[in-house]
């Protein structure tokens, strides 16, 4: 008869622990590095609130690649597009990121611009993944 002490794990438990640790580390390093060809990330991020019009110039490229953004988590989107111009939190832990393509109302000092607002809206589900990615014309 073989007795196993509770103080020392068996080889089986040690091996399972190693496999779980390796799997966990592999999953952490599996983040997608998403790039959109034709979208200059640095210029996009520098055009805060779309005030300079640089984002508007990239709108056709962005619109043709909306499906690439769907399914990304919040950190991946921040890596791709930078910090959102506006965050909105709704019930059931839904969160929205808004990126202005046309100049935001805050770009004009008097806020009387009658220009059409165009913005990218990304809706996240409760698990933090982009579920809906749309360009709105308001």
C-alpha atoms as a PDB file:
ATOM      1  CA  UNK A   1       0.000   0.000   0.000  1.00  0.00           C
ATOM      2  CA  UNK A   2       1.242   3.477  -0.898  1.00  0.00           C
ATOM      3  CA  UNK A   3       0.498   6.384   1.373  1.00  0.00           C
ATOM      4  CA  UNK A   4       0.507   9.923   0.066  1.00  0.00           C
ATOM      5  CA  UNK A   5       1.176  12.704   2.476  1.00  0.00           C
ATOM      6  CA  UNK A   6      -0.866  15.905   2.211  1.00  0.00           C
ATOM      7  CA  UNK A   7       2.337  17.887   2.661  1.00  0.00           C
ATOM      8  CA  UNK A   8       3.859  16.927  -0.700  1.00  0.00           C
ATOM      9  CA  UNK A   9       1.870  16.833  -3.924  1.00  0.00           C
ATOM     10  CA  UNK A  10       2.240  13.777  -6.144  1.00  0.00           C
ATOM     11  CA  UNK A  11       4.013  13.966  -9.502  1.00  0.00           C
ATOM     12  CA  UNK A  12       0.612  13.929 -11.171  1.00  0.00           C
ATOM     13  CA  UNK A  13      -0.483  17.115  -9.365  1.00  0.00           C
ATOM     14  CA  UNK A  14       2.849  18.765 -10.144  1.00  0.00           C
ATOM     15  CA  UNK A  15       2.484  17.953 -13.845  1.00  0.00           C
ATOM     16  CA  UNK A  16      -1.093  19.231 -13.959  1.00  0.00           C
ATOM     17  CA  UNK A  17       0.020  22.438 -12.257  1.00  0.00           C
ATOM     18  CA  UNK A  18       2.767  22.942 -14.836  1.00  0.00           C
ATOM     19  CA  UNK A  19       0.352  22.390 -17.725  1.00  0.00           C
ATOM     20  CA  UNK A  20      -2.135  24.886 -16.278  1.00  0.00           C
ATOM     21  CA  UNK A  21       0.560  27.514 -15.747  1.00  0.00           C
ATOM     22  CA  UNK A  22       1.883  27.095 -19.297  1.00  0.00           C
ATOM     23  CA  UNK A  23      -1.654  27.292 -20.712  1.00  0.00           C
ATOM     24  CA  UNK A  24      -2.397  30.429 -18.708  1.00  0.00           C
ATOM     25  CA  UNK A  25       0.804  32.145 -19.856  1.00  0.00           C
ATOM     26  CA  UNK A  26       0.076  31.162 -23.471  1.00  0.00           C
ATOM     27  CA  UNK A  27      -3.424  32.652 -23.281  1.00  0.00           C
ATOM     28  CA  UNK A  28      -2.125  35.925 -21.888  1.00  0.00           C
ATOM     29  CA  UNK A  29       0.357  36.290 -24.720  1.00  0.00           C
ATOM     30  CA  UNK A  30      -2.273  35.536 -27.409  1.00  0.00           C
ATOM     31  CA  UNK A  31      -3.547  39.115 -27.682  1.00  0.00           C
ATOM     32  CA  UNK A  32      -4.237  40.127 -31.246  1.00  0.00           C
ATOM     33  CA  UNK A  33      -2.065  42.813 -32.730  1.00  0.00           C
ATOM     34  CA  UNK A  34      -4.656  44.378 -34.993  1.00  0.00           C
ATOM     35  CA  UNK A  35      -3.605  46.701 -37.760  1.00  0.00           C
ATOM     36  CA  UNK A  36      -5.712  48.304 -40.417  1.00  0.00           C
ATOM     37  CA  UNK A  37      -3.807  48.957 -43.611  1.00  0.00           C
ATOM     38  CA  UNK A  38      -4.118  52.599 -44.629  1.00  0.00           C
ATOM     39  CA  UNK A  39      -5.004  53.768 -41.109  1.00  0.00           C
ATOM     40  CA  UNK A  40      -2.136  55.791 -39.644  1.00  0.00           C
ATOM     41  CA  UNK A  41      -2.495  55.071 -35.928  1.00  0.00           C
ATOM     42  CA  UNK A  42      -0.221  57.908 -34.841  1.00  0.00           C
ATOM     43  CA  UNK A  43      -2.052  60.548 -36.906  1.00  0.00           C
ATOM     44  CA  UNK A  44      -5.419  59.123 -35.810  1.00  0.00           C
ATOM     45  CA  UNK A  45      -4.461  59.347 -32.139  1.00  0.00           C
ATOM     46  CA  UNK A  46      -3.027  62.856 -32.586  1.00  0.00           C
ATOM     47  CA  UNK A  47      -6.320  64.158 -34.037  1.00  0.00           C
ATOM     48  CA  UNK A  48      -8.173  64.280 -30.706  1.00  0.00           C
ATOM     49  CA  UNK A  49     -11.928  64.840 -31.176  1.00  0.00           C
ATOM     50  CA  UNK A  50     -11.373  64.988 -34.942  1.00  0.00           C
ATOM     51  CA  UNK A  51     -10.560  68.700 -34.692  1.00  0.00           C
ATOM     52  CA  UNK A  52      -7.815  68.647 -37.354  1.00  0.00           C
ATOM     53  CA  UNK A  53      -9.772  66.680 -39.972  1.00  0.00           C
ATOM     54  CA  UNK A  54      -7.163  63.916 -40.204  1.00  0.00           C
ATOM     55  CA  UNK A  55      -9.626  61.266 -39.033  1.00  0.00           C
ATOM     56  CA  UNK A  56     -12.147  62.344 -41.665  1.00  0.00           C
ATOM     57  CA  UNK A  57      -9.529  61.664 -44.338  1.00  0.00           C
ATOM     58  CA  UNK A  58      -9.195  58.098 -42.989  1.00  0.00           C
ATOM     59  CA  UNK A  59     -12.976  57.481 -42.851  1.00  0.00           C
ATOM     60  CA  UNK A  60     -13.188  55.370 -46.063  1.00  0.00           C
ATOM     61  CA  UNK A  61     -10.416  53.059 -44.815  1.00  0.00           C
ATOM     62  CA  UNK A  62     -12.050  52.787 -41.406  1.00  0.00           C
ATOM     63  CA  UNK A  63     -15.524  52.066 -42.819  1.00  0.00           C
ATOM     64  CA  UNK A  64     -14.210  49.259 -45.014  1.00  0.00           C
ATOM     65  CA  UNK A  65     -12.527  47.608 -41.996  1.00  0.00           C
ATOM     66  CA  UNK A  66     -15.194  47.820 -39.270  1.00  0.00           C
ATOM     67  CA  UNK A  67     -15.435  44.018 -39.040  1.00  0.00           C
ATOM     68  CA  UNK A  68     -11.769  43.832 -37.973  1.00  0.00           C
ATOM     69  CA  UNK A  69     -12.614  45.866 -34.865  1.00  0.00           C
ATOM     70  CA  UNK A  70     -15.552  43.673 -33.853  1.00  0.00           C
ATOM     71  CA  UNK A  71     -14.553  41.103 -31.242  1.00  0.00           C
ATOM     72  CA  UNK A  72     -11.571  43.057 -29.912  1.00  0.00           C
ATOM     73  CA  UNK A  73     -11.394  43.913 -26.221  1.00  0.00           C
ATOM     74  CA  UNK A  74     -11.147  47.437 -24.840  1.00  0.00           C
ATOM     75  CA  UNK A  75      -7.355  47.370 -24.453  1.00  0.00           C
ATOM     76  CA  UNK A  76      -6.846  46.168 -28.026  1.00  0.00           C
ATOM     77  CA  UNK A  77      -9.052  48.969 -29.329  1.00  0.00           C
ATOM     78  CA  UNK A  78      -7.180  51.549 -27.235  1.00  0.00           C
ATOM     79  CA  UNK A  79      -3.947  50.204 -28.711  1.00  0.00           C
ATOM     80  CA  UNK A  80      -5.369  50.550 -32.227  1.00  0.00           C
ATOM     81  CA  UNK A  81      -7.308  53.839 -31.955  1.00  0.00           C
ATOM     82  CA  UNK A  82      -6.074  55.430 -28.744  1.00  0.00           C
ATOM     83  CA  UNK A  83      -8.114  56.678 -25.822  1.00  0.00           C
ATOM     84  CA  UNK A  84     -11.735  57.286 -26.868  1.00  0.00           C
ATOM     85  CA  UNK A  85     -13.015  60.856 -27.170  1.00  0.00           C
ATOM     86  CA  UNK A  86     -16.017  59.893 -25.083  1.00  0.00           C
ATOM     87  CA  UNK A  87     -16.985  56.933 -22.851  1.00  0.00           C
ATOM     88  CA  UNK A  88     -20.592  56.070 -22.201  1.00  0.00           C
ATOM     89  CA  UNK A  89     -21.797  53.528 -19.648  1.00  0.00           C
ATOM     90  CA  UNK A  90     -25.244  51.962 -19.914  1.00  0.00           C
ATOM     91  CA  UNK A  91     -27.219  49.422 -17.920  1.00  0.00           C
ATOM     92  CA  UNK A  92     -26.160  45.774 -17.844  1.00  0.00           C
ATOM     93  CA  UNK A  93     -22.488  46.782 -17.905  1.00  0.00           C
ATOM     94  CA  UNK A  94     -22.607  47.891 -21.523  1.00  0.00           C
ATOM     95  CA  UNK A  95     -19.965  50.411 -22.432  1.00  0.00           C
ATOM     96  CA  UNK A  96     -19.521  52.567 -25.530  1.00  0.00           C
ATOM     97  CA  UNK A  97     -16.371  54.181 -26.931  1.00  0.00           C
ATOM     98  CA  UNK A  98     -16.930  57.171 -29.207  1.00  0.00           C
ATOM     99  CA  UNK A  99     -14.313  58.532 -31.611  1.00  0.00           C
ATOM    100  CA  UNK A 100     -15.214  61.679 -33.551  1.00  0.00           C
ATOM    101  CA  UNK A 101     -14.355  61.632 -37.248  1.00  0.00           C
ATOM    102  CA  UNK A 102     -15.725  65.084 -38.003  1.00  0.00           C
ATOM    103  CA  UNK A 103     -14.810  67.873 -35.583  1.00  0.00           C
ATOM    104  CA  UNK A 104     -16.583  67.381 -32.253  1.00  0.00           C
ATOM    105  CA  UNK A 105     -18.736  70.197 -30.842  1.00  0.00           C
ATOM    106  CA  UNK A 106     -15.921  70.976 -28.406  1.00  0.00           C
ATOM    107  CA  UNK A 107     -13.606  71.890 -31.330  1.00  0.00           C
ATOM    108  CA  UNK A 108     -15.376  75.162 -32.049  1.00  0.00           C
ATOM    109  CA  UNK A 109     -15.148  77.750 -29.277  1.00  0.00           C
ATOM    110  CA  UNK A 110     -18.712  78.994 -29.735  1.00  0.00           C
ATOM    111  CA  UNK A 111     -20.226  75.504 -30.306  1.00  0.00           C
ATOM    112  CA  UNK A 112     -22.421  76.909 -33.074  1.00  0.00           C
ATOM    113  CA  UNK A 113     -21.001  74.803 -35.883  1.00  0.00           C
ATOM    114  CA  UNK A 114     -23.767  73.424 -38.095  1.00  0.00           C
ATOM    115  CA  UNK A 115     -21.487  70.785 -39.556  1.00  0.00           C
ATOM    116  CA  UNK A 116     -22.745  67.202 -39.577  1.00  0.00           C
ATOM    117  CA  UNK A 117     -21.365  65.108 -36.706  1.00  0.00           C
ATOM    118  CA  UNK A 118     -19.752  61.881 -37.863  1.00  0.00           C
ATOM    119  CA  UNK A 119     -18.399  59.508 -35.254  1.00  0.00           C
ATOM    120  CA  UNK A 120     -17.346  55.917 -34.681  1.00  0.00           C
ATOM    121  CA  UNK A 121     -19.299  54.144 -31.951  1.00  0.00           C
ATOM    122  CA  UNK A 122     -18.061  50.880 -30.457  1.00  0.00           C
ATOM    123  CA  UNK A 123     -20.409  48.996 -28.123  1.00  0.00           C
ATOM    124  CA  UNK A 124     -18.909  46.495 -25.700  1.00  0.00           C
ATOM    125  CA  UNK A 125     -20.800  43.646 -24.108  1.00  0.00           C
ATOM    126  CA  UNK A 126     -20.589  42.719 -20.423  1.00  0.00           C
ATOM    127  CA  UNK A 127     -17.428  40.679 -21.035  1.00  0.00           C
ATOM    128  CA  UNK A 128     -15.619  43.693 -22.541  1.00  0.00           C
ATOM    129  CA  UNK A 129     -15.608  42.621 -26.196  1.00  0.00           C
ATOM    130  CA  UNK A 130     -16.659  44.902 -29.049  1.00  0.00           C
ATOM    131  CA  UNK A 131     -20.068  43.664 -30.121  1.00  0.00           C
ATOM    132  CA  UNK A 132     -21.177  46.491 -32.412  1.00  0.00           C
ATOM    133  CA  UNK A 133     -19.002  48.858 -34.467  1.00  0.00           C
ATOM    134  CA  UNK A 134     -20.789  51.580 -36.434  1.00  0.00           C
ATOM    135  CA  UNK A 135     -20.102  54.941 -38.065  1.00  0.00           C
ATOM    136  CA  UNK A 136     -22.930  57.372 -37.262  1.00  0.00           C
ATOM    137  CA  UNK A 137     -23.933  60.409 -39.310  1.00  0.00           C
ATOM    138  CA  UNK A 138     -25.807  62.798 -37.043  1.00  0.00           C
END
